[in-house]
Amino acid sequence: MKVNLKLARIGTNMEEATVVKWYKMPGDAFQAGDTLYEIETEKVSQEIAAEGPGTLLEIRIPEGENAEVGEVLCVVETAT
């Protein structure tokens, strides 16, 4: 099933974040716990891990670009 992964609010005042690095590229498979990407806000940087297995299909926000909370960062195909 295709799933849109959106930027989640990781702090109470967070409105946007910058995508610092993508650890997976389109076509790459991943397992639960694998780091997919890293984001940075004004106060913190955080690696975001996959919740389950799947394949990265599409990156919507490239490295170095900002995204607002709730914006789609990427599309994945889940294994279940």
N, C-alpha and C. Protein backbone atom coordinates (compact mmCIF):
# COMPACT_ATOMS: atom_id res chain seq x y z
N MET A 1 0.83 -1.16 0.00
CA MET A 1 0.00 0.00 0.00
C MET A 1 0.89 1.24 0.00
N LYS A 2 0.57 2.22 -0.85
CA LYS A 2 1.32 3.48 -0.89
C LYS A 2 0.90 4.37 0.27
N VAL A 3 1.91 4.95 0.93
CA VAL A 3 1.66 5.80 2.09
C VAL A 3 2.47 7.08 1.93
N ASN A 4 1.83 8.23 2.19
CA ASN A 4 2.52 9.52 2.22
C ASN A 4 3.08 9.73 3.62
N LEU A 5 4.40 9.92 3.74
CA LEU A 5 4.99 10.24 5.03
C LEU A 5 5.08 11.75 5.15
N LYS A 6 4.43 12.29 6.18
CA LYS A 6 4.36 13.73 6.39
C LYS A 6 5.28 14.17 7.51
N LEU A 7 5.67 15.44 7.45
CA LEU A 7 6.50 16.01 8.51
C LEU A 7 5.66 16.12 9.78
N ALA A 8 6.10 15.42 10.80
CA ALA A 8 5.40 15.43 12.09
C ALA A 8 5.99 16.53 12.98
N ARG A 9 5.16 17.06 13.84
CA ARG A 9 5.60 18.08 14.81
C ARG A 9 6.36 17.35 15.92
N ILE A 10 7.64 17.70 16.10
CA ILE A 10 8.44 17.05 17.13
C ILE A 10 8.67 17.98 18.33
N GLY A 11 8.19 19.21 18.23
CA GLY A 11 8.28 20.16 19.33
C GLY A 11 7.03 21.03 19.33
N THR A 12 6.66 21.55 20.47
CA THR A 12 5.41 22.29 20.58
C THR A 12 5.35 23.53 19.70
N ASN A 13 6.47 24.19 19.48
CA ASN A 13 6.49 25.41 18.67
C ASN A 13 6.96 25.17 17.24
N MET A 14 7.20 23.93 16.88
CA MET A 14 7.71 23.62 15.55
C MET A 14 6.66 23.85 14.47
N GLU A 15 7.00 24.64 13.48
CA GLU A 15 6.10 24.90 12.35
C GLU A 15 6.68 24.38 11.04
N GLU A 16 8.04 24.27 10.99
CA GLU A 16 8.71 23.78 9.79
C GLU A 16 10.05 23.18 10.17
N ALA A 17 10.64 22.48 9.22
CA ALA A 17 11.97 21.90 9.41
C ALA A 17 12.66 21.81 8.06
N THR A 18 13.97 21.69 8.10
CA THR A 18 14.77 21.50 6.89
C THR A 18 15.15 20.03 6.78
N VAL A 19 15.00 19.46 5.59
CA VAL A 19 15.47 18.10 5.36
C VAL A 19 16.98 18.19 5.17
N VAL A 20 17.73 17.61 6.10
CA VAL A 20 19.18 17.68 6.08
C VAL A 20 19.76 16.59 5.19
N LYS A 21 19.24 15.37 5.32
CA LYS A 21 19.83 14.24 4.58
C LYS A 21 18.79 13.15 4.38
N TRP A 22 18.82 12.56 3.21
CA TRP A 22 18.04 11.34 2.93
C TRP A 22 18.99 10.16 3.03
N TYR A 23 18.65 9.17 3.85
CA TYR A 23 19.48 7.98 4.02
C TYR A 23 19.07 6.87 3.05
N LYS A 24 17.88 6.98 2.50
CA LYS A 24 17.39 6.03 1.50
C LYS A 24 17.03 6.82 0.24
N MET A 25 17.18 6.19 -0.91
CA MET A 25 16.84 6.79 -2.20
C MET A 25 15.68 6.02 -2.82
N PRO A 26 14.95 6.62 -3.76
CA PRO A 26 13.85 5.90 -4.40
C PRO A 26 14.31 4.53 -4.92
N GLY A 27 13.51 3.53 -4.60
CA GLY A 27 13.83 2.15 -4.97
C GLY A 27 14.48 1.36 -3.85
N ASP A 28 15.00 2.06 -2.84
CA ASP A 28 15.65 1.38 -1.71
C ASP A 28 14.61 0.77 -0.78
N ALA A 29 14.86 -0.46 -0.37
CA ALA A 29 14.02 -1.12 0.63
C ALA A 29 14.54 -0.74 2.02
N PHE A 30 13.66 -0.81 3.01
CA PHE A 30 14.05 -0.52 4.38
C PHE A 30 13.28 -1.43 5.33
N GLN A 31 13.82 -1.55 6.54
CA GLN A 31 13.21 -2.35 7.60
C GLN A 31 12.81 -1.42 8.74
N ALA A 32 11.97 -1.90 9.63
CA ALA A 32 11.60 -1.13 10.82
C ALA A 32 12.87 -0.74 11.57
N GLY A 33 12.96 0.53 11.93
CA GLY A 33 14.13 1.02 12.66
C GLY A 33 15.20 1.62 11.79
N ASP A 34 15.17 1.37 10.48
CA ASP A 34 16.15 1.98 9.57
C ASP A 34 15.91 3.49 9.50
N THR A 35 16.97 4.27 9.49
CA THR A 35 16.83 5.72 9.36
C THR A 35 16.49 6.06 7.92
N LEU A 36 15.40 6.81 7.74
CA LEU A 36 14.97 7.24 6.40
C LEU A 36 15.54 8.60 6.04
N TYR A 37 15.45 9.55 6.98
CA TYR A 37 15.92 10.91 6.72
C TYR A 37 16.23 11.63 8.02
N GLU A 38 16.87 12.78 7.90
CA GLU A 38 17.19 13.62 9.04
C GLU A 38 16.62 15.01 8.80
N ILE A 39 16.01 15.57 9.84
CA ILE A 39 15.48 16.93 9.75
C ILE A 39 16.16 17.80 10.80
N GLU A 40 16.09 19.12 10.56
CA GLU A 40 16.65 20.07 11.50
C GLU A 40 15.67 21.22 11.68
N THR A 41 15.42 21.58 12.94
CA THR A 41 14.59 22.74 13.27
C THR A 41 15.51 23.80 13.87
N GLU A 42 14.94 24.88 14.35
CA GLU A 42 15.75 25.92 14.99
C GLU A 42 16.46 25.41 16.23
N LYS A 43 15.88 24.40 16.87
CA LYS A 43 16.42 23.95 18.16
C LYS A 43 17.08 22.58 18.14
N VAL A 44 16.74 21.73 17.18
CA VAL A 44 17.22 20.34 17.25
C VAL A 44 17.31 19.74 15.86
N SER A 45 18.20 18.74 15.72
CA SER A 45 18.19 17.91 14.52
C SER A 45 17.84 16.50 14.98
N GLN A 46 17.10 15.78 14.12
CA GLN A 46 16.64 14.46 14.51
C GLN A 46 16.58 13.55 13.30
N GLU A 47 17.06 12.31 13.50
CA GLU A 47 16.92 11.28 12.49
C GLU A 47 15.55 10.64 12.65
N ILE A 48 14.88 10.37 11.53
CA ILE A 48 13.56 9.76 11.54
C ILE A 48 13.66 8.34 11.00
N ALA A 49 13.21 7.39 11.79
CA ALA A 49 13.32 5.97 11.44
C ALA A 49 11.98 5.44 10.92
N ALA A 50 12.06 4.40 10.11
CA ALA A 50 10.88 3.73 9.58
C ALA A 50 10.18 2.96 10.70
N GLU A 51 8.85 3.00 10.67
CA GLU A 51 8.07 2.26 11.67
C GLU A 51 7.88 0.80 11.27
N GLY A 52 8.04 0.49 9.99
CA GLY A 52 7.89 -0.87 9.51
C GLY A 52 8.63 -1.04 8.19
N PRO A 53 8.63 -2.23 7.63
CA PRO A 53 9.35 -2.48 6.38
C PRO A 53 8.62 -1.88 5.18
N GLY A 54 9.39 -1.59 4.14
CA GLY A 54 8.81 -1.05 2.92
C GLY A 54 9.86 -0.65 1.92
N THR A 55 9.43 0.15 0.93
CA THR A 55 10.32 0.65 -0.13
C THR A 55 10.02 2.13 -0.33
N LEU A 56 11.08 2.93 -0.42
CA LEU A 56 10.91 4.35 -0.72
C LEU A 56 10.61 4.50 -2.21
N LEU A 57 9.50 5.13 -2.52
CA LEU A 57 9.09 5.31 -3.92
C LEU A 57 9.45 6.68 -4.48
N GLU A 58 9.26 7.72 -3.68
CA GLU A 58 9.42 9.08 -4.19
C GLU A 58 9.81 10.03 -3.07
N ILE A 59 10.77 10.91 -3.35
CA ILE A 59 11.14 11.97 -2.42
C ILE A 59 10.48 13.25 -2.93
N ARG A 60 9.68 13.89 -2.08
CA ARG A 60 8.98 15.12 -2.46
C ARG A 60 9.71 16.39 -2.02
N ILE A 61 10.46 16.30 -0.92
CA ILE A 61 11.22 17.45 -0.41
C ILE A 61 12.71 17.07 -0.43
N PRO A 62 13.48 17.67 -1.32
CA PRO A 62 14.90 17.30 -1.41
C PRO A 62 15.73 17.84 -0.25
N GLU A 63 16.94 17.34 -0.11
CA GLU A 63 17.87 17.80 0.92
C GLU A 63 18.07 19.31 0.78
N GLY A 64 18.10 19.98 1.93
CA GLY A 64 18.34 21.42 1.95
C GLY A 64 17.09 22.27 1.84
N GLU A 65 15.94 21.64 1.59
CA GLU A 65 14.68 22.39 1.45
C GLU A 65 13.86 22.29 2.73
N ASN A 66 13.05 23.31 2.95
CA ASN A 66 12.18 23.36 4.12
C ASN A 66 10.83 22.72 3.80
N ALA A 67 10.21 22.20 4.84
CA ALA A 67 8.85 21.64 4.74
C ALA A 67 8.07 22.12 5.96
N GLU A 68 6.79 22.35 5.77
CA GLU A 68 5.92 22.73 6.86
C GLU A 68 5.36 21.48 7.52
N VAL A 69 5.01 21.59 8.80
CA VAL A 69 4.39 20.47 9.52
C VAL A 69 3.17 20.01 8.74
N GLY A 70 3.07 18.71 8.52
CA GLY A 70 1.95 18.13 7.77
C GLY A 70 2.21 17.99 6.28
N GLU A 71 3.28 18.57 5.78
CA GLU A 71 3.60 18.46 4.35
C GLU A 71 4.19 17.08 4.05
N VAL A 72 3.86 16.53 2.89
CA VAL A 72 4.36 15.21 2.48
C VAL A 72 5.85 15.31 2.13
N LEU A 73 6.66 14.51 2.82
CA LEU A 73 8.11 14.48 2.57
C LEU A 73 8.46 13.43 1.52
N CYS A 74 7.76 12.28 1.58
CA CYS A 74 8.07 11.20 0.66
C CYS A 74 6.89 10.24 0.58
N VAL A 75 6.96 9.36 -0.42
CA VAL A 75 5.95 8.33 -0.60
C VAL A 75 6.65 6.98 -0.49
N VAL A 76 6.07 6.08 0.30
CA VAL A 76 6.64 4.76 0.48
C VAL A 76 5.59 3.69 0.14
N GLU A 77 6.07 2.52 -0.18
CA GLU A 77 5.22 1.34 -0.34
C GLU A 77 5.45 0.48 0.88
N THR A 78 4.41 0.27 1.66
CA THR A 78 4.58 -0.55 2.86
C THR A 78 4.51 -2.03 2.49
N ALA A 79 5.18 -2.84 3.28
CA ALA A 79 5.26 -4.28 3.01
C ALA A 79 4.02 -5.01 3.47
N THR A 80 3.21 -4.39 4.32
CA THR A 80 2.03 -5.06 4.85
C THR A 80 0.76 -4.46 4.29
